[in-house]
Amino acid sequence: MKSSFYCIDSSRLVKTKLLKEVEQKLQASLQPYSFTQNTHNYQEMLTLWNSLAEHSYIWLEKVIPNIRELKYIYFTNGITGALNLLASLDDIALLRGDYHWLNLLKPNSHYGHINEIPKNKIIYLSQPFAADGNIFNLNKILSESSHQLLIDGAYIGSTSEEVTFSLPNNTKYFTFSLSKAFGLGSVRAGLLFSSTPIDALEKLHQAAYLPQFKLEIMSCIFNNFSPFYLHQTLHQLQKDVCNHLEIEQSHSVILGYTSDDKYKKWQRDNGVSRISLTPYFAQHTPNLFAV
């Protein structure tokens, strides 16, 4: 690789691009959408949702073996949609360096260490961790904590089959979406798993008042691509780009990280600089990605 080939992206955002193979499968699998058709046939929607719910458990079990311990599952408009709702229901705290959206909703809700967080708050943790894209030992970090947990799985779907984890017993919520791993952020399709029923969402799901097209997109992904597809496709590229940039490879194949001062522009609140690799992937192998 020529050193002049890469031009570092100045954005701190992770802008995952849609792989061409995924785009082609979606186009082949999804029925042409018509606004004139009856898009809310109760029984069809209920069948579609029940099928998707089961397939989501099967898909996620490959990464999180005990995901079924969270017995209640709901559709949300991406993870951000889930967080918007949960922030109105619970008092949530997060660690510095993690996904900062909750701190925008409720300023001063982030802390430097778990021991600083009041016992009445639910701890939000991304896994893999948003600050560096790595999976960490939740039980070890939380060994002396009795807090309930909200685990954000935004980067699941971008790690290898060698990296799995279990949810701690005190996990109250788990969120997931197709945005980071599959480049479908604009679709706003996510799932919220809960240990207890959430009344507002129960009513919507009991009425099958759900977005048909988004459910079909999620079903297509779960039925045609494994949680390790992205890592298998991009792992060598990740290695090459990280070697070139002289940064560490994250467990998430779309990220790298470093403490080198030359990447200070990308430094997060915990002192780690997280680099999104997707611009380099598209630059180096444009044929892999949808236009």
C-alpha atoms as a PDB file:
ATOM      1  CA  MET A   1       0.000   0.000   0.000  1.00  0.00           C
ATOM      2  CA  LYS A   2       1.280   3.437  -0.875  1.00  0.00           C
ATOM      3  CA  SER A   3       1.339   5.864   2.015  1.00  0.00           C
ATOM      4  CA  SER A   4      -0.316   8.509  -0.168  1.00  0.00           C
ATOM      5  CA  PHE A   5      -3.269   6.212  -0.845  1.00  0.00           C
ATOM      6  CA  TYR A   6      -5.041   7.023   2.387  1.00  0.00           C
ATOM      7  CA  CYS A   7      -6.457  10.380   3.332  1.00  0.00           C
ATOM      8  CA  ILE A   8      -7.563  10.380   6.959  1.00  0.00           C
ATOM      9  CA  ASP A   9     -11.231  11.201   7.429  1.00  0.00           C
ATOM     10  CA  SER A  10     -11.658  14.232   9.669  1.00  0.00           C
ATOM     11  CA  SER A  11     -15.010  13.070  11.038  1.00  0.00           C
ATOM     12  CA  ARG A  12     -15.314  11.363  14.441  1.00  0.00           C
ATOM     13  CA  LEU A  13     -18.494   9.633  13.276  1.00  0.00           C
ATOM     14  CA  VAL A  14     -18.596   5.998  12.194  1.00  0.00           C
ATOM     15  CA  LYS A  15     -20.058   6.123   8.689  1.00  0.00           C
ATOM     16  CA  THR A  16     -20.494   2.488   7.733  1.00  0.00           C
ATOM     17  CA  LYS A  17     -21.063   1.896   4.044  1.00  0.00           C
ATOM     18  CA  LEU A  18     -23.476  -0.674   2.632  1.00  0.00           C
ATOM     19  CA  LEU A  19     -21.729  -3.650   1.087  1.00  0.00           C
ATOM     20  CA  LYS A  20     -22.745  -4.371  -2.491  1.00  0.00           C
ATOM     21  CA  GLU A  21     -23.552  -8.011  -1.712  1.00  0.00           C
ATOM     22  CA  VAL A  22     -25.939  -6.893   1.045  1.00  0.00           C
ATOM     23  CA  GLU A  23     -27.577  -4.351  -1.246  1.00  0.00           C
ATOM     24  CA  GLN A  24     -28.103  -6.971  -3.952  1.00  0.00           C
ATOM     25  CA  LYS A  25     -29.656  -9.426  -1.493  1.00  0.00           C
ATOM     26  CA  LEU A  26     -32.003  -6.765  -0.165  1.00  0.00           C
ATOM     27  CA  GLN A  27     -33.081  -5.780  -3.669  1.00  0.00           C
ATOM     28  CA  ALA A  28     -33.711  -9.403  -4.623  1.00  0.00           C
ATOM     29  CA  SER A  29     -35.533 -10.322  -1.422  1.00  0.00           C
ATOM     30  CA  LEU A  30     -37.817  -7.371  -0.779  1.00  0.00           C
ATOM     31  CA  GLN A  31     -41.129  -7.067  -2.576  1.00  0.00           C
ATOM     32  CA  PRO A  32     -41.765  -3.799  -4.448  1.00  0.00           C
ATOM     33  CA  TYR A  33     -43.347  -1.465  -1.946  1.00  0.00           C
ATOM     34  CA  SER A  34     -46.661   0.125  -2.793  1.00  0.00           C
ATOM     35  CA  PHE A  35     -48.279   2.892  -0.758  1.00  0.00           C
ATOM     36  CA  THR A  36     -51.666   1.901  -2.159  1.00  0.00           C
ATOM     37  CA  GLN A  37     -51.616  -1.623  -0.723  1.00  0.00           C
ATOM     38  CA  ASN A  38     -53.038  -2.500   2.669  1.00  0.00           C
ATOM     39  CA  THR A  39     -49.857  -2.218   4.716  1.00  0.00           C
ATOM     40  CA  HIS A  40     -51.472  -3.039   8.027  1.00  0.00           C
ATOM     41  CA  ASN A  41     -53.013  -6.461   7.747  1.00  0.00           C
ATOM     42  CA  TYR A  42     -53.041  -7.414  11.412  1.00  0.00           C
ATOM     43  CA  GLN A  43     -52.444 -11.132  11.036  1.00  0.00           C
ATOM     44  CA  GLU A  44     -49.707 -10.739   8.417  1.00  0.00           C
ATOM     45  CA  MET A  45     -47.909  -8.143  10.511  1.00  0.00           C
ATOM     46  CA  LEU A  46     -48.165 -10.279  13.636  1.00  0.00           C
ATOM     47  CA  THR A  47     -46.772 -13.285  11.768  1.00  0.00           C
ATOM     48  CA  LEU A  48     -43.942 -11.194  10.327  1.00  0.00           C
ATOM     49  CA  TRP A  49     -43.052  -9.773  13.731  1.00  0.00           C
ATOM     50  CA  ASN A  50     -43.151 -13.122  15.543  1.00  0.00           C
ATOM     51  CA  SER A  51     -40.909 -14.656  12.885  1.00  0.00           C
ATOM     52  CA  LEU A  52     -38.458 -11.734  13.086  1.00  0.00           C
ATOM     53  CA  ALA A  53     -38.370 -11.877  16.878  1.00  0.00           C
ATOM     54  CA  GLU A  54     -37.436 -15.566  16.860  1.00  0.00           C
ATOM     55  CA  HIS A  55     -34.820 -15.113  14.129  1.00  0.00           C
ATOM     56  CA  SER A  56     -33.276 -12.201  16.044  1.00  0.00           C
ATOM     57  CA  TYR A  57     -32.768 -14.419  19.096  1.00  0.00           C
ATOM     58  CA  ILE A  58     -31.241 -17.182  16.946  1.00  0.00           C
ATOM     59  CA  TRP A  59     -28.937 -14.675  15.195  1.00  0.00           C
ATOM     60  CA  LEU A  60     -27.784 -12.914  18.358  1.00  0.00           C
ATOM     61  CA  GLU A  61     -27.294 -16.139  20.340  1.00  0.00           C
ATOM     62  CA  LYS A  62     -24.195 -16.771  18.252  1.00  0.00           C
ATOM     63  CA  VAL A  63     -22.595 -13.743  19.912  1.00  0.00           C
ATOM     64  CA  ILE A  64     -24.557 -13.559  23.184  1.00  0.00           C
ATOM     65  CA  PRO A  65     -25.453 -17.118  24.257  1.00  0.00           C
ATOM     66  CA  ASN A  66     -27.828 -15.992  27.040  1.00  0.00           C
ATOM     67  CA  ILE A  67     -29.743 -13.305  25.099  1.00  0.00           C
ATOM     68  CA  ARG A  68     -33.014 -15.227  25.643  1.00  0.00           C
ATOM     69  CA  GLU A  69     -32.868 -14.357  29.322  1.00  0.00           C
ATOM     70  CA  LEU A  70     -34.307 -11.011  28.209  1.00  0.00           C
ATOM     71  CA  LYS A  71     -37.772 -12.335  27.387  1.00  0.00           C
ATOM     72  CA  TYR A  72     -39.388  -9.199  25.990  1.00  0.00           C
ATOM     73  CA  ILE A  73     -38.419  -7.884  22.570  1.00  0.00           C
ATOM     74  CA  TYR A  74     -39.592  -4.738  20.768  1.00  0.00           C
ATOM     75  CA  PHE A  75     -38.955  -2.948  17.486  1.00  0.00           C
ATOM     76  CA  THR A  76     -37.410   0.528  17.805  1.00  0.00           C
ATOM     77  CA  ASN A  77     -36.279   3.213  15.372  1.00  0.00           C
ATOM     78  CA  GLY A  78     -32.630   2.279  15.743  1.00  0.00           C
ATOM     79  CA  ILE A  79     -30.747   2.290  19.033  1.00  0.00           C
ATOM     80  CA  THR A  80     -31.183   6.036  19.371  1.00  0.00           C
ATOM     81  CA  GLY A  81     -34.957   5.556  19.309  1.00  0.00           C
ATOM     82  CA  ALA A  82     -34.650   3.007  22.113  1.00  0.00           C
ATOM     83  CA  LEU A  83     -32.425   5.315  24.166  1.00  0.00           C
ATOM     84  CA  ASN A  84     -34.834   8.220  23.738  1.00  0.00           C
ATOM     85  CA  LEU A  85     -37.596   6.084  25.238  1.00  0.00           C
ATOM     86  CA  LEU A  86     -35.505   4.551  28.016  1.00  0.00           C
ATOM     87  CA  ALA A  87     -34.152   7.948  29.082  1.00  0.00           C
ATOM     88  CA  SER A  88     -37.753   8.992  29.755  1.00  0.00           C
ATOM     89  CA  LEU A  89     -38.421   5.855  31.820  1.00  0.00           C
ATOM     90  CA  ASP A  90     -35.224   5.397  33.845  1.00  0.00           C
ATOM     91  CA  ASP A  91     -32.356   7.353  35.358  1.00  0.00           C
ATOM     92  CA  ILE A  92     -29.368   6.257  33.254  1.00  0.00           C
ATOM     93  CA  ALA A  93     -25.650   6.956  33.673  1.00  0.00           C
ATOM     94  CA  LEU A  94     -22.725   6.252  31.349  1.00  0.00           C
ATOM     95  CA  LEU A  95     -18.942   6.148  31.483  1.00  0.00           C
ATOM     96  CA  ARG A  96     -16.744   8.741  29.795  1.00  0.00           C
ATOM     97  CA  GLY A  97     -15.782   7.752  26.272  1.00  0.00           C
ATOM     98  CA  ASP A  98     -19.004   5.833  25.657  1.00  0.00           C
ATOM     99  CA  TYR A  99     -21.729   6.809  23.176  1.00  0.00           C
ATOM    100  CA  HIS A 100     -22.610  10.334  24.280  1.00  0.00           C
ATOM    101  CA  TRP A 101     -26.236  10.545  23.125  1.00  0.00           C
ATOM    102  CA  LEU A 102     -27.626   9.941  26.609  1.00  0.00           C
ATOM    103  CA  ASN A 103     -25.473  12.757  27.951  1.00  0.00           C
ATOM    104  CA  LEU A 104     -27.042  15.068  25.370  1.00  0.00           C
ATOM    105  CA  LEU A 105     -30.500  14.021  26.538  1.00  0.00           C
ATOM    106  CA  LYS A 106     -29.557  14.397  30.206  1.00  0.00           C
ATOM    107  CA  PRO A 107     -26.417  16.519  30.687  1.00  0.00           C
ATOM    108  CA  ASN A 108     -23.922  15.527  33.391  1.00  0.00           C
ATOM    109  CA  SER A 109     -24.982  11.883  33.280  1.00  0.00           C
ATOM    110  CA  HIS A 110     -21.473  10.543  32.520  1.00  0.00           C
ATOM    111  CA  TYR A 111     -18.929   9.419  35.104  1.00  0.00           C
ATOM    112  CA  GLY A 112     -15.244   8.534  35.192  1.00  0.00           C
ATOM    113  CA  HIS A 113     -15.651   5.237  37.057  1.00  0.00           C
ATOM    114  CA  ILE A 114     -18.465   2.817  37.890  1.00  0.00           C
ATOM    115  CA  ASN A 115     -17.890   3.344  41.630  1.00  0.00           C
ATOM    116  CA  GLU A 116     -18.862   7.006  41.194  1.00  0.00           C
ATOM    117  CA  ILE A 117     -22.312   6.167  39.834  1.00  0.00           C
ATOM    118  CA  PRO A 118     -25.192   6.419  42.348  1.00  0.00           C
ATOM    119  CA  LYS A 119     -26.840   3.073  43.120  1.00  0.00           C
ATOM    120  CA  ASN A 120     -30.266   4.235  41.919  1.00  0.00           C
ATOM    121  CA  LYS A 121     -29.042   4.748  38.346  1.00  0.00           C
ATOM    122  CA  ILE A 122     -28.982   2.205  35.517  1.00  0.00           C
ATOM    123  CA  ILE A 123     -25.506   1.938  33.956  1.00  0.00           C
ATOM    124  CA  TYR A 124     -25.327   2.237  30.184  1.00  0.00           C
ATOM    125  CA  LEU A 125     -22.445   0.313  28.573  1.00  0.00           C
ATOM    126  CA  SER A 126     -21.762  -0.319  24.899  1.00  0.00           C
ATOM    127  CA  GLN A 127     -20.415  -3.783  24.080  1.00  0.00           C
ATOM    128  CA  PRO A 128     -18.218  -3.700  22.018  1.00  0.00           C
ATOM    129  CA  PHE A 129     -17.197  -0.465  23.713  1.00  0.00           C
ATOM    130  CA  ALA A 130     -17.880   2.622  21.586  1.00  0.00           C
ATOM    131  CA  ALA A 131     -14.603   4.266  22.648  1.00  0.00           C
ATOM    132  CA  ASP A 132     -12.360   1.654  21.035  1.00  0.00           C
ATOM    133  CA  GLY A 133     -14.535  -1.047  19.423  1.00  0.00           C
ATOM    134  CA  ASN A 134     -13.368  -3.771  21.811  1.00  0.00           C
ATOM    135  CA  ILE A 135     -15.343  -6.345  23.766  1.00  0.00           C
ATOM    136  CA  PHE A 136     -14.450  -6.377  27.442  1.00  0.00           C
ATOM    137  CA  ASN A 137     -15.244  -8.664  30.362  1.00  0.00           C
ATOM    138  CA  LEU A 138     -18.484  -7.220  31.699  1.00  0.00           C
ATOM    139  CA  ASN A 139     -18.605  -9.453  34.760  1.00  0.00           C
ATOM    140  CA  LYS A 140     -15.051  -8.519  35.778  1.00  0.00           C
ATOM    141  CA  ILE A 141     -15.669  -4.785  35.448  1.00  0.00           C
ATOM    142  CA  LEU A 142     -19.006  -5.006  37.226  1.00  0.00           C
ATOM    143  CA  SER A 143     -17.946  -7.535  39.876  1.00  0.00           C
ATOM    144  CA  GLU A 144     -18.524  -5.104  42.744  1.00  0.00           C
ATOM    145  CA  SER A 145     -21.538  -3.362  41.223  1.00  0.00           C
ATOM    146  CA  SER A 146     -25.200  -4.056  41.940  1.00  0.00           C
ATOM    147  CA  HIS A 147     -26.473  -1.571  39.348  1.00  0.00           C
ATOM    148  CA  GLN A 148     -28.958  -2.660  36.732  1.00  0.00           C
ATOM    149  CA  LEU A 149     -27.516  -2.468  33.219  1.00  0.00           C
ATOM    150  CA  LEU A 150     -28.436  -1.199  29.791  1.00  0.00           C
ATOM    151  CA  ILE A 151     -26.140  -2.879  27.242  1.00  0.00           C
ATOM    152  CA  ASP A 152     -25.833  -1.288  23.796  1.00  0.00           C
ATOM    153  CA  GLY A 153     -24.901  -3.782  21.060  1.00  0.00           C
ATOM    154  CA  ALA A 154     -24.482  -1.273  18.234  1.00  0.00           C
ATOM    155  CA  TYR A 155     -21.266  -2.889  16.961  1.00  0.00           C
ATOM    156  CA  ILE A 156     -22.488  -6.479  17.116  1.00  0.00           C
ATOM    157  CA  GLY A 157     -22.356  -7.855  13.608  1.00  0.00           C
ATOM    158  CA  SER A 158     -18.849  -6.475  13.077  1.00  0.00           C
ATOM    159  CA  THR A 159     -16.818  -8.871  15.251  1.00  0.00           C
ATOM    160  CA  SER A 160     -15.395 -12.346  14.680  1.00  0.00           C
ATOM    161  CA  GLU A 161     -16.905 -15.642  15.837  1.00  0.00           C
ATOM    162  CA  GLU A 162     -14.044 -15.934  18.321  1.00  0.00           C
ATOM    163  CA  VAL A 163     -15.393 -12.968  20.301  1.00  0.00           C
ATOM    164  CA  THR A 164     -18.553 -13.661  22.295  1.00  0.00           C
ATOM    165  CA  PHE A 165     -19.888 -12.544  25.664  1.00  0.00           C
ATOM    166  CA  SER A 166     -22.746 -13.180  28.073  1.00  0.00           C
ATOM    167  CA  LEU A 167     -25.033 -10.584  29.570  1.00  0.00           C
ATOM    168  CA  PRO A 168     -24.588 -10.136  33.345  1.00  0.00           C
ATOM    169  CA  ASN A 169     -27.485 -11.276  35.534  1.00  0.00           C
ATOM    170  CA  ASN A 170     -28.462  -7.702  36.371  1.00  0.00           C
ATOM    171  CA  THR A 171     -28.973  -6.675  32.718  1.00  0.00           C
ATOM    172  CA  LYS A 172     -32.310  -4.898  32.371  1.00  0.00           C
ATOM    173  CA  TYR A 173     -32.096  -3.842  28.708  1.00  0.00           C
ATOM    174  CA  PHE A 174     -30.152  -4.691  25.576  1.00  0.00           C
ATOM    175  CA  THR A 175     -30.323  -2.675  22.348  1.00  0.00           C
ATOM    176  CA  PHE A 176     -29.284  -3.594  18.814  1.00  0.00           C
ATOM    177  CA  SER A 177     -29.560  -2.177  15.301  1.00  0.00           C
ATOM    178  CA  LEU A 178     -28.377  -2.715  11.739  1.00  0.00           C
ATOM    179  CA  SER A 179     -26.736   0.702  11.439  1.00  0.00           C
ATOM    180  CA  LYS A 180     -23.078   0.093  12.298  1.00  0.00           C
ATOM    181  CA  ALA A 181     -22.466  -3.413  10.942  1.00  0.00           C
ATOM    182  CA  PHE A 182     -24.644  -3.292   7.833  1.00  0.00           C
ATOM    183  CA  GLY A 183     -24.580   0.367   6.826  1.00  0.00           C
ATOM    184  CA  LEU A 184     -28.340   0.746   7.212  1.00  0.00           C
ATOM    185  CA  GLY A 185     -28.394   3.720   9.566  1.00  0.00           C
ATOM    186  CA  SER A 186     -30.852   5.653   7.408  1.00  0.00           C
ATOM    187  CA  VAL A 187     -33.373   2.797   7.711  1.00  0.00           C
ATOM    188  CA  ARG A 188     -33.570   3.303  11.510  1.00  0.00           C
ATOM    189  CA  ALA A 189     -34.262  -0.345  12.310  1.00  0.00           C
ATOM    190  CA  GLY A 190     -33.461  -1.612  15.779  1.00  0.00           C
ATOM    191  CA  LEU A 191     -34.490  -3.957  18.572  1.00  0.00           C
ATOM    192  CA  LEU A 192     -34.889  -3.472  22.298  1.00  0.00           C
ATOM    193  CA  PHE A 193     -34.718  -6.518  24.590  1.00  0.00           C
ATOM    194  CA  SER A 194     -35.994  -6.145  28.143  1.00  0.00           C
ATOM    195  CA  SER A 195     -36.167  -8.245  31.309  1.00  0.00           C
ATOM    196  CA  THR A 196     -39.633  -6.818  32.048  1.00  0.00           C
ATOM    197  CA  PRO A 197     -42.533  -5.624  29.865  1.00  0.00           C
ATOM    198  CA  ILE A 198     -42.473  -2.008  28.654  1.00  0.00           C
ATOM    199  CA  ASP A 199     -46.097  -0.878  28.669  1.00  0.00           C
ATOM    200  CA  ALA A 200     -45.968   1.663  25.836  1.00  0.00           C
ATOM    201  CA  LEU A 201     -44.235  -0.759  23.474  1.00  0.00           C
ATOM    202  CA  GLU A 202     -46.444  -3.682  24.546  1.00  0.00           C
ATOM    203  CA  LYS A 203     -49.499  -1.820  23.294  1.00  0.00           C
ATOM    204  CA  LEU A 204     -47.915  -1.082  19.914  1.00  0.00           C
ATOM    205  CA  HIS A 205     -46.790  -4.659  19.418  1.00  0.00           C
ATOM    206  CA  GLN A 206     -50.068  -6.172  20.572  1.00  0.00           C
ATOM    207  CA  ALA A 207     -51.784  -4.082  17.901  1.00  0.00           C
ATOM    208  CA  ALA A 208     -49.090  -5.119  15.384  1.00  0.00           C
ATOM    209  CA  TYR A 209     -48.645  -1.404  14.742  1.00  0.00           C
ATOM    210  CA  LEU A 210     -45.182  -1.844  13.248  1.00  0.00           C
ATOM    211  CA  PRO A 211     -43.249  -0.722  10.125  1.00  0.00           C
ATOM    212  CA  GLN A 212     -43.605  -3.596   7.655  1.00  0.00           C
ATOM    213  CA  PHE A 213     -40.799  -2.541   5.311  1.00  0.00           C
ATOM    214  CA  LYS A 214     -38.261  -2.185   8.134  1.00  0.00           C
ATOM    215  CA  LEU A 215     -39.194  -5.586   9.542  1.00  0.00           C
ATOM    216  CA  GLU A 216     -38.700  -7.141   6.102  1.00  0.00           C
ATOM    217  CA  ILE A 217     -35.243  -5.552   5.828  1.00  0.00           C
ATOM    218  CA  MET A 218     -34.235  -6.945   9.207  1.00  0.00           C
ATOM    219  CA  SER A 219     -35.602 -10.385   8.332  1.00  0.00           C
ATOM    220  CA  CYS A 220     -33.604 -10.387   5.099  1.00  0.00           C
ATOM    221  CA  ILE A 221     -30.374  -9.615   6.978  1.00  0.00           C
ATOM    222  CA  PHE A 222     -30.948 -12.244   9.665  1.00  0.00           C
ATOM    223  CA  ASN A 223     -31.870 -14.914   7.108  1.00  0.00           C
ATOM    224  CA  ASN A 224     -28.980 -14.306   4.712  1.00  0.00           C
ATOM    225  CA  PHE A 225     -25.972 -13.023   6.668  1.00  0.00           C
ATOM    226  CA  SER A 226     -24.335 -14.296   9.850  1.00  0.00           C
ATOM    227  CA  PRO A 227     -23.211 -11.982  12.673  1.00  0.00           C
ATOM    228  CA  PHE A 228     -19.652 -12.631  11.473  1.00  0.00           C
ATOM    229  CA  TYR A 229     -20.162 -11.892   7.782  1.00  0.00           C
ATOM    230  CA  LEU A 230     -18.771  -8.352   7.952  1.00  0.00           C
ATOM    231  CA  HIS A 231     -15.668  -9.399   9.887  1.00  0.00           C
ATOM    232  CA  GLN A 232     -14.988 -12.276   7.481  1.00  0.00           C
ATOM    233  CA  THR A 233     -15.333  -9.887   4.533  1.00  0.00           C
ATOM    234  CA  LEU A 234     -13.245  -6.983   5.853  1.00  0.00           C
ATOM    235  CA  HIS A 235     -10.775  -8.474   8.329  1.00  0.00           C
ATOM    236  CA  GLN A 236      -7.765  -8.417   5.995  1.00  0.00           C
ATOM    237  CA  LEU A 237      -8.561  -4.848   4.959  1.00  0.00           C
ATOM    238  CA  GLN A 238      -8.762  -3.851   8.617  1.00  0.00           C
ATOM    239  CA  LYS A 239      -5.354  -5.373   9.256  1.00  0.00           C
ATOM    240  CA  ASP A 240      -3.798  -3.614   6.250  1.00  0.00           C
ATOM    241  CA  VAL A 241      -5.287  -0.213   7.065  1.00  0.00           C
ATOM    242  CA  CYS A 242      -4.393  -0.376  10.762  1.00  0.00           C
ATOM    243  CA  ASN A 243      -0.824  -1.375   9.913  1.00  0.00           C
ATOM    244  CA  HIS A 244      -0.616   1.534   7.500  1.00  0.00           C
ATOM    245  CA  LEU A 245      -2.008   4.043   9.993  1.00  0.00           C
ATOM    246  CA  GLU A 246       0.055   2.509  12.829  1.00  0.00           C
ATOM    247  CA  ILE A 247      -2.966   1.983  15.069  1.00  0.00           C
ATOM    248  CA  GLU A 248      -4.399  -1.055  16.861  1.00  0.00           C
ATOM    249  CA  GLN A 249      -7.085  -3.297  15.385  1.00  0.00           C
ATOM    250  CA  SER A 250     -10.365  -3.283  17.315  1.00  0.00           C
ATOM    251  CA  HIS A 251     -12.560  -6.331  17.828  1.00  0.00           C
ATOM    252  CA  SER A 252     -15.028  -4.435  15.625  1.00  0.00           C
ATOM    253  CA  VAL A 253     -13.677  -4.747  12.100  1.00  0.00           C
ATOM    254  CA  ILE A 254     -14.753  -1.218  11.159  1.00  0.00           C
ATOM    255  CA  LEU A 255     -12.666   0.454  13.872  1.00  0.00           C
ATOM    256  CA  GLY A 256      -9.091   0.990  15.001  1.00  0.00           C
ATOM    257  CA  TYR A 257      -7.790   2.798  18.077  1.00  0.00           C
ATOM    258  CA  THR A 258      -4.671   4.429  19.454  1.00  0.00           C
ATOM    259  CA  SER A 259      -3.278   6.669  22.193  1.00  0.00           C
ATOM    260  CA  ASP A 260      -0.822   8.314  19.775  1.00  0.00           C
ATOM    261  CA  ASP A 261      -0.980  12.103  20.000  1.00  0.00           C
ATOM    262  CA  LYS A 262      -0.989  12.494  16.219  1.00  0.00           C
ATOM    263  CA  TYR A 263      -4.592  11.223  16.308  1.00  0.00           C
ATOM    264  CA  LYS A 264      -5.621  13.502  19.171  1.00  0.00           C
ATOM    265  CA  LYS A 265      -8.345  15.054  17.017  1.00  0.00           C
ATOM    266  CA  TRP A 266     -10.223  11.762  17.327  1.00  0.00           C
ATOM    267  CA  GLN A 267      -9.684  11.430  21.074  1.00  0.00           C
ATOM    268  CA  ARG A 268     -12.718  10.569  23.162  1.00  0.00           C
ATOM    269  CA  ASP A 269     -13.457  11.519  26.764  1.00  0.00           C
ATOM    270  CA  ASN A 270     -11.511   8.520  28.093  1.00  0.00           C
ATOM    271  CA  GLY A 271      -8.301   9.528  26.276  1.00  0.00           C
ATOM    272  CA  VAL A 272      -8.498   6.912  23.500  1.00  0.00           C
ATOM    273  CA  SER A 273      -8.609   7.975  19.852  1.00  0.00           C
ATOM    274  CA  ARG A 274     -11.100   5.870  17.894  1.00  0.00           C
ATOM    275  CA  ILE A 275     -10.662   5.803  14.126  1.00  0.00           C
ATOM    276  CA  SER A 276     -13.438   4.778  11.757  1.00  0.00           C
ATOM    277  CA  LEU A 277     -11.895   2.630   9.019  1.00  0.00           C
ATOM    278  CA  THR A 278     -14.832   2.566   6.609  1.00  0.00           C
ATOM    279  CA  PRO A 279     -13.645   5.541   4.502  1.00  0.00           C
ATOM    280  CA  TYR A 280     -10.376   3.694   3.842  1.00  0.00           C
ATOM    281  CA  PHE A 281     -12.162   0.465   2.982  1.00  0.00           C
ATOM    282  CA  ALA A 282     -14.267   2.217   0.347  1.00  0.00           C
ATOM    283  CA  GLN A 283     -11.243   4.050  -1.016  1.00  0.00           C
ATOM    284  CA  HIS A 284      -9.116   0.929  -1.305  1.00  0.00           C
ATOM    285  CA  THR A 285     -11.777  -1.558  -2.540  1.00  0.00           C
ATOM    286  CA  PRO A 286     -14.678   0.508  -3.967  1.00  0.00           C
ATOM    287  CA  ASN A 287     -16.119  -2.525  -5.789  1.00  0.00           C
ATOM    288  CA  LEU A 288     -17.063  -4.071  -2.434  1.00  0.00           C
ATOM    289  CA  PHE A 289     -19.511  -1.305  -1.619  1.00  0.00           C
ATOM    290  CA  ALA A 290     -22.802  -0.035  -2.981  1.00  0.00           C
ATOM    291  CA  VAL A 291     -22.653   3.282  -4.799  1.00  0.00           C
END
